[in-house]
C-alpha atoms as a PDB file:
ATOM      1  CA  MET A   1     171.203  36.750 175.518  1.00  0.00           C
ATOM      2  CA  ASN A   2     170.011  39.721 173.921  1.00  0.00           C
ATOM      3  CA  ILE A   3     171.422  38.200 170.618  1.00  0.00           C
ATOM      4  CA  MET A   4     169.262  34.741 171.562  1.00  0.00           C
ATOM      5  CA  LYS A   5     166.106  36.696 172.847  1.00  0.00           C
ATOM      6  CA  ARG A   6     166.602  38.678 168.835  1.00  0.00           C
ATOM      7  CA  LEU A   7     166.451  34.363 167.624  1.00  0.00           C
ATOM      8  CA  SER A   8     163.668  33.836 169.719  1.00  0.00           C
ATOM      9  CA  GLY A   9     161.336  36.952 168.824  1.00  0.00           C
ATOM     10  CA  ILE A  10     162.255  36.355 164.842  1.00  0.00           C
ATOM     11  CA  PHE A  11     161.394  32.597 165.501  1.00  0.00           C
ATOM     12  CA  SER A  12     157.996  33.909 167.338  1.00  0.00           C
ATOM     13  CA  ILE A  13     157.490  35.554 163.930  1.00  0.00           C
ATOM     14  CA  PHE A  14     158.327  33.470 161.564  1.00  0.00           C
ATOM     15  CA  VAL A  15     155.641  31.031 163.362  1.00  0.00           C
ATOM     16  CA  LEU A  16     152.478  33.588 163.040  1.00  0.00           C
ATOM     17  CA  LEU A  17     153.026  34.275 160.081  1.00  0.00           C
ATOM     18  CA  VAL A  18     153.265  30.506 158.890  1.00  0.00           C
ATOM     19  CA  SER A  19     150.454  29.807 160.645  1.00  0.00           C
ATOM     20  CA  PHE A  20     148.764  33.239 158.879  1.00  0.00           C
ATOM     21  CA  THR A  21     149.685  31.287 155.587  1.00  0.00           C
ATOM     22  CA  LEU A  22     148.539  27.658 156.283  1.00  0.00           C
ATOM     23  CA  ALA A  23     145.551  28.341 158.015  1.00  0.00           C
ATOM     24  CA  PRO A  24     142.691  27.063 155.606  1.00  0.00           C
ATOM     25  CA  ALA A  25     140.188  29.707 154.877  1.00  0.00           C
ATOM     26  CA  ALA A  26     136.671  29.755 156.471  1.00  0.00           C
ATOM     27  CA  VAL A  27     134.958  27.654 153.625  1.00  0.00           C
ATOM     28  CA  SER A  28     131.472  27.929 152.741  1.00  0.00           C
ATOM     29  CA  ASP A  29     128.730  24.849 152.701  1.00  0.00           C
ATOM     30  CA  ALA A  30     126.722  25.912 149.436  1.00  0.00           C
ATOM     31  CA  PRO A  31     127.391  24.595 146.999  1.00  0.00           C
ATOM     32  CA  GLU A  32     129.310  26.099 143.753  1.00  0.00           C
ATOM     33  CA  ALA A  33     126.713  26.821 140.773  1.00  0.00           C
ATOM     34  CA  ASP A  34     126.989  26.320 137.640  1.00  0.00           C
ATOM     35  CA  ARG A  35     125.633  30.126 136.520  1.00  0.00           C
ATOM     36  CA  VAL A  36     124.377  32.465 138.903  1.00  0.00           C
ATOM     37  CA  TYR A  37     121.599  35.453 138.497  1.00  0.00           C
ATOM     38  CA  VAL A  38     121.911  39.022 140.635  1.00  0.00           C
ATOM     39  CA  ASN A  39     119.693  42.077 140.323  1.00  0.00           C
ATOM     40  CA  GLY A  40     116.224  40.316 139.486  1.00  0.00           C
ATOM     41  CA  ASN A  41     112.900  41.310 139.625  1.00  0.00           C
ATOM     42  CA  ILE A  42     111.928  37.843 140.065  1.00  0.00           C
ATOM     43  CA  TYR A  43     108.208  35.829 140.760  1.00  0.00           C
ATOM     44  CA  THR A  44     109.037  32.389 141.848  1.00  0.00           C
ATOM     45  CA  VAL A  45     105.124  31.626 141.971  1.00  0.00           C
ATOM     46  CA  ASP A  46     105.893  29.614 144.665  1.00  0.00           C
ATOM     47  CA  GLU A  47     102.917  29.020 147.555  1.00  0.00           C
ATOM     48  CA  GLU A  48     103.297  32.777 149.581  1.00  0.00           C
ATOM     49  CA  PHE A  49     103.698  33.902 145.959  1.00  0.00           C
ATOM     50  CA  SER A  50     106.459  35.137 146.490  1.00  0.00           C
ATOM     51  CA  THR A  51     109.564  37.177 145.656  1.00  0.00           C
ATOM     52  CA  ALA A  52     113.528  37.176 144.934  1.00  0.00           C
ATOM     53  CA  SER A  53     116.149  38.938 143.264  1.00  0.00           C
ATOM     54  CA  ALA A  54     119.063  36.089 143.413  1.00  0.00           C
ATOM     55  CA  ILE A  55     118.699  32.670 142.454  1.00  0.00           C
ATOM     56  CA  ALA A  56     121.914  30.164 141.956  1.00  0.00           C
ATOM     57  CA  VAL A  57     121.847  27.044 139.242  1.00  0.00           C
ATOM     58  CA  LYS A  58     123.182  23.828 138.715  1.00  0.00           C
ATOM     59  CA  ASP A  59     123.041  20.458 137.169  1.00  0.00           C
ATOM     60  CA  GLY A  60     119.744  22.040 136.060  1.00  0.00           C
ATOM     61  CA  GLN A  61     118.239  22.752 139.106  1.00  0.00           C
ATOM     62  CA  PHE A  62     117.514  25.932 141.340  1.00  0.00           C
ATOM     63  CA  ILE A  63     119.536  25.316 144.711  1.00  0.00           C
ATOM     64  CA  TYR A  64     119.262  29.300 145.600  1.00  0.00           C
ATOM     65  CA  VAL A  65     116.090  31.481 145.541  1.00  0.00           C
ATOM     66  CA  GLY A  66     116.574  35.042 148.012  1.00  0.00           C
ATOM     67  CA  ASP A  67     118.817  37.649 147.589  1.00  0.00           C
ATOM     68  CA  ASP A  68     121.793  39.222 146.305  1.00  0.00           C
ATOM     69  CA  ALA A  69     123.641  38.722 149.788  1.00  0.00           C
ATOM     70  CA  GLY A  70     122.830  35.039 149.957  1.00  0.00           C
ATOM     71  CA  VAL A  71     123.562  33.944 146.883  1.00  0.00           C
ATOM     72  CA  LYS A  72     126.798  35.335 146.546  1.00  0.00           C
ATOM     73  CA  ALA A  73     127.712  31.506 148.724  1.00  0.00           C
ATOM     74  CA  TYR A  74     126.961  29.652 145.795  1.00  0.00           C
ATOM     75  CA  ILE A  75     129.464  32.096 144.036  1.00  0.00           C
ATOM     76  CA  GLY A  76     133.228  30.091 142.396  1.00  0.00           C
ATOM     77  CA  PRO A  77     135.567  30.551 140.415  1.00  0.00           C
ATOM     78  CA  LEU A  78     133.657  28.469 137.871  1.00  0.00           C
ATOM     79  CA  THR A  79     129.800  30.174 138.446  1.00  0.00           C
ATOM     80  CA  PHE A  80     129.278  32.176 135.613  1.00  0.00           C
ATOM     81  CA  VAL A  81     127.176  35.352 137.096  1.00  0.00           C
ATOM     82  CA  PHE A  82     124.454  37.148 135.067  1.00  0.00           C
ATOM     83  CA  ASP A  83     123.215  40.380 136.220  1.00  0.00           C
ATOM     84  CA  LEU A  84     119.911  40.237 135.326  1.00  0.00           C
ATOM     85  CA  GLU A  85     119.626  44.747 135.287  1.00  0.00           C
ATOM     86  CA  GLY A  86     116.272  44.473 137.149  1.00  0.00           C
ATOM     87  CA  LYS A  87     114.472  42.593 134.998  1.00  0.00           C
ATOM     88  CA  THR A  88     111.376  40.602 135.284  1.00  0.00           C
ATOM     89  CA  VAL A  89     112.116  36.432 135.868  1.00  0.00           C
ATOM     90  CA  ILE A  90     108.803  34.110 135.690  1.00  0.00           C
ATOM     91  CA  PRO A  91     108.166  30.866 136.350  1.00  0.00           C
ATOM     92  CA  GLY A  92     109.039  28.403 132.320  1.00  0.00           C
ATOM     93  CA  LEU A  93     105.293  29.095 131.321  1.00  0.00           C
ATOM     94  CA  HIS A  94     104.708  24.723 130.733  1.00  0.00           C
ATOM     95  CA  ASP A  95     101.141  23.945 128.482  1.00  0.00           C
ATOM     96  CA  ALA A  96      99.196  20.915 129.117  1.00  0.00           C
ATOM     97  CA  HIS A  97      96.168  20.845 127.787  1.00  0.00           C
ATOM     98  CA  VAL A  98      93.937  20.924 124.839  1.00  0.00           C
ATOM     99  CA  HIS A  99      91.011  22.550 122.275  1.00  0.00           C
ATOM    100  CA  ILE A 100      87.321  20.803 122.581  1.00  0.00           C
ATOM    101  CA  ARG A 101      86.722  21.681 119.525  1.00  0.00           C
ATOM    102  CA  TYR A 102      89.734  20.280 117.365  1.00  0.00           C
ATOM    103  CA  GLY A 103      87.468  17.042 117.638  1.00  0.00           C
ATOM    104  CA  GLU A 104      85.994  18.568 115.325  1.00  0.00           C
ATOM    105  CA  ARG A 105      88.953  18.713 113.102  1.00  0.00           C
ATOM    106  CA  ILE A 106      88.097  14.238 112.983  1.00  0.00           C
ATOM    107  CA  LEU A 107      84.835  15.596 111.228  1.00  0.00           C
ATOM    108  CA  TYR A 108      86.308  18.290 108.760  1.00  0.00           C
ATOM    109  CA  PRO A 109      89.696  17.038 107.935  1.00  0.00           C
ATOM    110  CA  ARG A 110      89.837  19.751 105.964  1.00  0.00           C
ATOM    111  CA  ILE A 111      88.999  22.720 106.809  1.00  0.00           C
ATOM    112  CA  PRO A 112      90.998  25.332 104.934  1.00  0.00           C
ATOM    113  CA  ASP A 113      93.342  27.326 106.188  1.00  0.00           C
ATOM    114  CA  ILE A 114      93.513  30.597 104.968  1.00  0.00           C
ATOM    115  CA  ARG A 115      97.454  30.673 105.257  1.00  0.00           C
ATOM    116  CA  ALA A 116      99.709  29.492 102.247  1.00  0.00           C
ATOM    117  CA  ALA A 117     101.701  27.993 104.377  1.00  0.00           C
ATOM    118  CA  ILE A 118     102.187  27.108 109.198  1.00  0.00           C
ATOM    119  CA  GLY A 119     103.965  30.479 110.293  1.00  0.00           C
ATOM    120  CA  GLU A 120     103.580  32.627 107.201  1.00  0.00           C
ATOM    121  CA  TRP A 121      99.583  34.802 108.642  1.00  0.00           C
ATOM    122  CA  ALA A 122      97.834  35.928 105.431  1.00  0.00           C
ATOM    123  CA  SER A 123      96.607  39.158 104.315  1.00  0.00           C
ATOM    124  CA  VAL A 124      93.174  40.204 104.468  1.00  0.00           C
ATOM    125  CA  GLU A 125      93.115  40.380 100.316  1.00  0.00           C
ATOM    126  CA  ARG A 126      94.281  36.473 100.653  1.00  0.00           C
ATOM    127  CA  MET A 127      91.802  35.444 103.305  1.00  0.00           C
ATOM    128  CA  GLN A 128      89.633  37.491 100.707  1.00  0.00           C
ATOM    129  CA  GLU A 129      90.920  35.402  98.177  1.00  0.00           C
ATOM    130  CA  LEU A 130      89.876  31.973  99.940  1.00  0.00           C
ATOM    131  CA  ILE A 131      86.671  32.733 101.574  1.00  0.00           C
ATOM    132  CA  LYS A 132      85.413  33.660  97.197  1.00  0.00           C
ATOM    133  CA  ARG A 133      87.336  30.530  95.763  1.00  0.00           C
ATOM    134  CA  CYS A 134      85.755  28.870  98.292  1.00  0.00           C
ATOM    135  CA  LEU A 135      82.627  30.079  98.214  1.00  0.00           C
ATOM    136  CA  ALA A 136      83.133  29.691  93.926  1.00  0.00           C
ATOM    137  CA  THR A 137      84.056  25.436  94.493  1.00  0.00           C
ATOM    138  CA  GLY A 138      82.563  24.395  97.528  1.00  0.00           C
ATOM    139  CA  GLU A 139      85.619  23.623  99.842  1.00  0.00           C
ATOM    140  CA  GLY A 140      84.890  23.912 103.316  1.00  0.00           C
ATOM    141  CA  MET A 141      81.125  23.907 102.768  1.00  0.00           C
ATOM    142  CA  ARG A 142      78.540  21.946 105.022  1.00  0.00           C
ATOM    143  CA  PRO A 143      76.276  20.108 104.157  1.00  0.00           C
ATOM    144  CA  GLY A 144      73.001  21.643 104.949  1.00  0.00           C
ATOM    145  CA  PRO A 145      69.841  23.457 103.714  1.00  0.00           C
ATOM    146  CA  GLU A 146      70.678  26.920 101.414  1.00  0.00           C
ATOM    147  CA  PRO A 147      72.143  29.119 102.421  1.00  0.00           C
ATOM    148  CA  ARG A 148      75.273  27.177 103.477  1.00  0.00           C
ATOM    149  CA  TRP A 149      77.611  27.432 105.960  1.00  0.00           C
ATOM    150  CA  LEU A 150      81.272  28.268 105.154  1.00  0.00           C
ATOM    151  CA  VAL A 151      84.024  27.457 107.691  1.00  0.00           C
ATOM    152  CA  LEU A 152      87.574  28.436 107.665  1.00  0.00           C
ATOM    153  CA  SER A 153      90.265  28.518 110.200  1.00  0.00           C
ATOM    154  CA  GLY A 154      93.534  30.866 110.831  1.00  0.00           C
ATOM    155  CA  TRP A 155      93.590  33.969 110.671  1.00  0.00           C
ATOM    156  CA  MET A 156      95.822  36.305 112.872  1.00  0.00           C
ATOM    157  CA  SER A 157      94.546  39.931 112.932  1.00  0.00           C
ATOM    158  CA  ASP A 158      97.757  41.007 115.107  1.00  0.00           C
ATOM    159  CA  VAL A 159      99.361  41.308 111.400  1.00  0.00           C
ATOM    160  CA  TRP A 160      96.676  43.373 109.577  1.00  0.00           C
ATOM    161  CA  ASP A 161      96.783  47.543 109.563  1.00  0.00           C
ATOM    162  CA  PRO A 162      94.497  48.155 111.490  1.00  0.00           C
ATOM    163  CA  PRO A 163      95.974  45.098 113.734  1.00  0.00           C
ATOM    164  CA  GLU A 164      91.406  44.072 114.240  1.00  0.00           C
ATOM    165  CA  PHE A 165      88.935  41.703 113.028  1.00  0.00           C
ATOM    166  CA  ARG A 166      85.187  43.048 111.484  1.00  0.00           C
ATOM    167  CA  LYS A 167      82.759  41.170 110.522  1.00  0.00           C
ATOM    168  CA  GLU A 168      82.800  44.241 107.242  1.00  0.00           C
ATOM    169  CA  LEU A 169      86.442  41.522 105.247  1.00  0.00           C
ATOM    170  CA  ILE A 170      84.271  38.958 105.297  1.00  0.00           C
ATOM    171  CA  ASP A 171      80.713  40.443 103.623  1.00  0.00           C
ATOM    172  CA  ALA A 172      82.569  43.357 100.933  1.00  0.00           C
ATOM    173  CA  VAL A 173      83.394  39.178  99.251  1.00  0.00           C
ATOM    174  CA  ALA A 174      80.460  37.027 101.191  1.00  0.00           C
ATOM    175  CA  PRO A 175      77.508  38.759 101.448  1.00  0.00           C
ATOM    176  CA  ASP A 176      74.926  36.176 101.299  1.00  0.00           C
ATOM    177  CA  ASN A 177      76.914  32.170 102.678  1.00  0.00           C
ATOM    178  CA  PRO A 178      77.471  32.523 106.408  1.00  0.00           C
ATOM    179  CA  VAL A 179      81.018  31.874 107.332  1.00  0.00           C
ATOM    180  CA  TYR A 180      82.933  31.337 110.492  1.00  0.00           C
ATOM    181  CA  ILE A 181      86.479  31.993 110.787  1.00  0.00           C
ATOM    182  CA  SER A 182      88.502  30.486 113.764  1.00  0.00           C
ATOM    183  CA  ARG A 183      91.492  32.804 114.876  1.00  0.00           C
ATOM    184  CA  TYR A 184      95.021  30.329 115.340  1.00  0.00           C
ATOM    185  CA  THR A 185      94.036  29.993 119.197  1.00  0.00           C
ATOM    186  CA  HIS A 186      91.675  31.531 120.649  1.00  0.00           C
ATOM    187  CA  GLY A 187      89.247  33.089 118.905  1.00  0.00           C
ATOM    188  CA  SER A 188      86.423  33.249 115.874  1.00  0.00           C
ATOM    189  CA  GLY A 189      84.606  35.635 114.043  1.00  0.00           C
ATOM    190  CA  ALA A 190      81.664  35.370 111.637  1.00  0.00           C
ATOM    191  CA  ASN A 191      79.966  38.059 108.939  1.00  0.00           C
ATOM    192  CA  SER A 192      76.484  39.520 108.391  1.00  0.00           C
ATOM    193  CA  LYS A 193      74.954  36.549 107.445  1.00  0.00           C
ATOM    194  CA  ALA A 194      76.072  34.286 110.199  1.00  0.00           C
ATOM    195  CA  LEU A 195      75.179  37.043 112.634  1.00  0.00           C
ATOM    196  CA  GLU A 196      71.720  37.042 111.446  1.00  0.00           C
ATOM    197  CA  LEU A 197      70.970  33.260 111.014  1.00  0.00           C
ATOM    198  CA  ALA A 198      71.971  32.647 115.197  1.00  0.00           C
ATOM    199  CA  GLY A 199      70.029  35.251 115.527  1.00  0.00           C
ATOM    200  CA  ILE A 200      72.717  37.662 117.372  1.00  0.00           C
ATOM    201  CA  THR A 201      72.692  41.396 116.966  1.00  0.00           C
ATOM    202  CA  ARG A 202      74.487  44.303 119.252  1.00  0.00           C
ATOM    203  CA  ASP A 203      70.925  44.192 121.688  1.00  0.00           C
ATOM    204  CA  THR A 204      71.794  40.059 122.075  1.00  0.00           C
ATOM    205  CA  PRO A 205      72.675  39.907 126.035  1.00  0.00           C
ATOM    206  CA  ASP A 206      75.475  37.414 127.708  1.00  0.00           C
ATOM    207  CA  PRO A 207      74.453  34.186 127.710  1.00  0.00           C
ATOM    208  CA  PRO A 208      74.394  32.590 130.824  1.00  0.00           C
ATOM    209  CA  GLY A 209      78.059  31.669 132.335  1.00  0.00           C
ATOM    210  CA  GLY A 210      78.826  33.266 129.086  1.00  0.00           C
ATOM    211  CA  TRP A 211      81.059  36.561 129.728  1.00  0.00           C
ATOM    212  CA  ILE A 212      81.079  36.933 133.965  1.00  0.00           C
ATOM    213  CA  PRO A 213      83.706  40.244 134.531  1.00  0.00           C
ATOM    214  CA  GLU A 214      83.553  39.376 138.446  1.00  0.00           C
ATOM    215  CA  GLN A 215      85.324  36.157 137.742  1.00  0.00           C
ATOM    216  CA  ALA A 216      88.383  37.361 135.871  1.00  0.00           C
ATOM    217  CA  LEU A 217      90.862  35.609 137.012  1.00  0.00           C
ATOM    218  CA  THR A 218      94.220  37.414 138.790  1.00  0.00           C
ATOM    219  CA  ARG A 219      97.329  38.660 137.520  1.00  0.00           C
ATOM    220  CA  GLU A 220      98.621  35.891 140.298  1.00  0.00           C
ATOM    221  CA  GLU A 221      95.555  33.714 139.300  1.00  0.00           C
ATOM    222  CA  ALA A 222      96.511  33.505 136.281  1.00  0.00           C
ATOM    223  CA  LEU A 223     100.394  33.635 136.376  1.00  0.00           C
ATOM    224  CA  ARG A 224      99.918  30.657 138.486  1.00  0.00           C
ATOM    225  CA  ALA A 225      97.073  28.601 136.269  1.00  0.00           C
ATOM    226  CA  ALA A 226     100.557  28.976 133.850  1.00  0.00           C
ATOM    227  CA  THR A 227     102.898  28.113 135.257  1.00  0.00           C
ATOM    228  CA  MET A 228     102.130  25.220 138.586  1.00  0.00           C
ATOM    229  CA  GLY A 229      98.262  24.650 136.976  1.00  0.00           C
ATOM    230  CA  GLY A 230     100.439  23.357 133.237  1.00  0.00           C
ATOM    231  CA  ALA A 231     102.965  21.194 136.592  1.00  0.00           C
ATOM    232  CA  TYR A 232      99.584  20.269 138.636  1.00  0.00           C
ATOM    233  CA  VAL A 233      98.606  18.965 134.694  1.00  0.00           C
ATOM    234  CA  MET A 234     101.311  17.346 133.588  1.00  0.00           C
ATOM    235  CA  HIS A 235     101.716  15.182 136.861  1.00  0.00           C
ATOM    236  CA  ALA A 236     105.069  17.618 137.745  1.00  0.00           C
ATOM    237  CA  GLU A 237     104.471  19.577 140.006  1.00  0.00           C
ATOM    238  CA  ASP A 238     106.996  18.420 142.314  1.00  0.00           C
ATOM    239  CA  ILE A 239     109.256  19.052 139.422  1.00  0.00           C
ATOM    240  CA  LEU A 240     108.011  22.245 137.738  1.00  0.00           C
ATOM    241  CA  GLY A 241     105.974  24.831 137.816  1.00  0.00           C
ATOM    242  CA  SER A 242     107.644  27.121 140.051  1.00  0.00           C
ATOM    243  CA  ILE A 243     111.095  28.915 141.125  1.00  0.00           C
ATOM    244  CA  GLU A 244     111.895  26.928 143.964  1.00  0.00           C
ATOM    245  CA  VAL A 245     115.418  25.252 145.639  1.00  0.00           C
ATOM    246  CA  GLY A 246     114.619  21.451 143.595  1.00  0.00           C
ATOM    247  CA  LYS A 247     113.373  22.191 140.925  1.00  0.00           C
ATOM    248  CA  LEU A 248     114.268  21.676 137.636  1.00  0.00           C
ATOM    249  CA  ALA A 249     114.981  25.749 137.075  1.00  0.00           C
ATOM    250  CA  ASP A 250     112.688  26.427 134.020  1.00  0.00           C
ATOM    251  CA  PHE A 251     112.725  30.212 133.984  1.00  0.00           C
ATOM    252  CA  VAL A 252     111.987  33.246 131.436  1.00  0.00           C
ATOM    253  CA  VAL A 253     113.072  36.945 131.253  1.00  0.00           C
ATOM    254  CA  ILE A 254     110.621  39.323 130.297  1.00  0.00           C
ATOM    255  CA  PRO A 255     111.905  43.235 130.096  1.00  0.00           C
ATOM    256  CA  VAL A 256     108.725  44.723 132.274  1.00  0.00           C
ATOM    257  CA  ASP A 257     106.849  43.705 135.626  1.00  0.00           C
ATOM    258  CA  TYR A 258     104.105  41.261 134.395  1.00  0.00           C
ATOM    259  CA  MET A 259     102.361  42.496 137.874  1.00  0.00           C
ATOM    260  CA  THR A 260     102.090  46.161 136.749  1.00  0.00           C
ATOM    261  CA  ILE A 261     102.591  46.914 132.567  1.00  0.00           C
ATOM    262  CA  PRO A 262      98.940  48.088 131.768  1.00  0.00           C
ATOM    263  CA  ALA A 263      96.368  45.138 131.082  1.00  0.00           C
ATOM    264  CA  GLU A 264      96.280  46.707 127.279  1.00  0.00           C
ATOM    265  CA  ASP A 265     100.477  45.575 126.962  1.00  0.00           C
ATOM    266  CA  ILE A 266     100.567  42.210 129.033  1.00  0.00           C
ATOM    267  CA  TRP A 267     100.176  40.872 125.140  1.00  0.00           C
ATOM    268  CA  LYS A 268     102.743  42.136 123.948  1.00  0.00           C
ATOM    269  CA  ILE A 269     106.265  41.434 125.966  1.00  0.00           C
ATOM    270  CA  GLU A 270     108.746  38.621 124.487  1.00  0.00           C
ATOM    271  CA  PRO A 271     110.832  37.010 126.164  1.00  0.00           C
ATOM    272  CA  GLU A 272     114.208  38.071 126.546  1.00  0.00           C
ATOM    273  CA  MET A 273     115.317  35.131 127.264  1.00  0.00           C
ATOM    274  CA  THR A 274     114.831  31.762 128.227  1.00  0.00           C
ATOM    275  CA  VAL A 275     116.702  29.078 129.909  1.00  0.00           C
ATOM    276  CA  ILE A 276     115.305  24.850 130.482  1.00  0.00           C
ATOM    277  CA  GLY A 277     116.889  23.101 132.801  1.00  0.00           C
ATOM    278  CA  GLY A 278     119.137  25.445 133.305  1.00  0.00           C
ATOM    279  CA  GLU A 279     120.570  25.315 130.005  1.00  0.00           C
ATOM    280  CA  VAL A 280     119.953  29.409 128.092  1.00  0.00           C
ATOM    281  CA  VAL A 281     118.067  27.885 125.112  1.00  0.00           C
ATOM    282  CA  TYR A 282     117.476  31.784 123.707  1.00  0.00           C
ATOM    283  CA  THR A 283     118.112  34.400 124.309  1.00  0.00           C
ATOM    284  CA  ARG A 284     116.147  37.565 121.877  1.00  0.00           C
ATOM    285  CA  PRO A 285     118.663  39.725 120.331  1.00  0.00           C
ATOM    286  CA  VAL A 286     119.730  42.773 121.186  1.00  0.00           C
ATOM    287  CA  GLN A 287     118.309  45.047 118.137  1.00  0.00           C
ATOM    288  CA  ALA A 288     115.490  43.352 118.838  1.00  0.00           C
ATOM    289  CA  GLN A 289     115.658  44.325 122.662  1.00  0.00           C
ATOM    290  CA  LYS A 290     115.736  48.310 121.759  1.00  0.00           C
END
């Protein structure tokens, strides 16, 4: 009898062990992500302008946006997990606009560009040499009474030393002709003669509607305009413009917090990673990040 009891006890333990071994593990209903990004400062630019710390991407779309704890359900054996190390993530910037002034190029298709080639930025010296050449040859000179206007394009003072445009840089080589030169984008400059003919002095008041400080965009509005705004213009707001589940995984990783960095430093922000449709298309070289 004792032997039977002992055998019965051993069998019971065996059955219990087998039941634990064969019992199915708890299975999450969440799909396994291709990539998961954690420990980030993520501005989703959704309707509430909410923030998150983690995102999961599968088949080029966001399948999770939330916190680090919640994203764990989407991590499988083949998921690539990337630690953002507290860096900021913003939606992809989809530029969808055109400048009215580009129409001028239809009327004057040969506006001289001070750059030797697109992608190269001209020095002050090159700009001055081109101005002198145009004044001597008539290239870029607009028809009309004397003194005729010279119109150029392509300056980029960010690479100059000091990095600023001053009318005296043109005055030195063109004191008698009005010269107008457009920046490579968003900006223009002129010499003293141009300002004189336009009747503009230091005391000239801002034109009505020309500068309205109280209507300046907030940082949130500016980011929304460059993300959801661009998507809206392209009729693609359902799939682009914000970091939300179901949308294409387009986003940018930057090393600083866009919402808190000093305003004067915003233009200096350089991306460390760019992702389009879930695919990493750019990573900043390690040396440049230091």
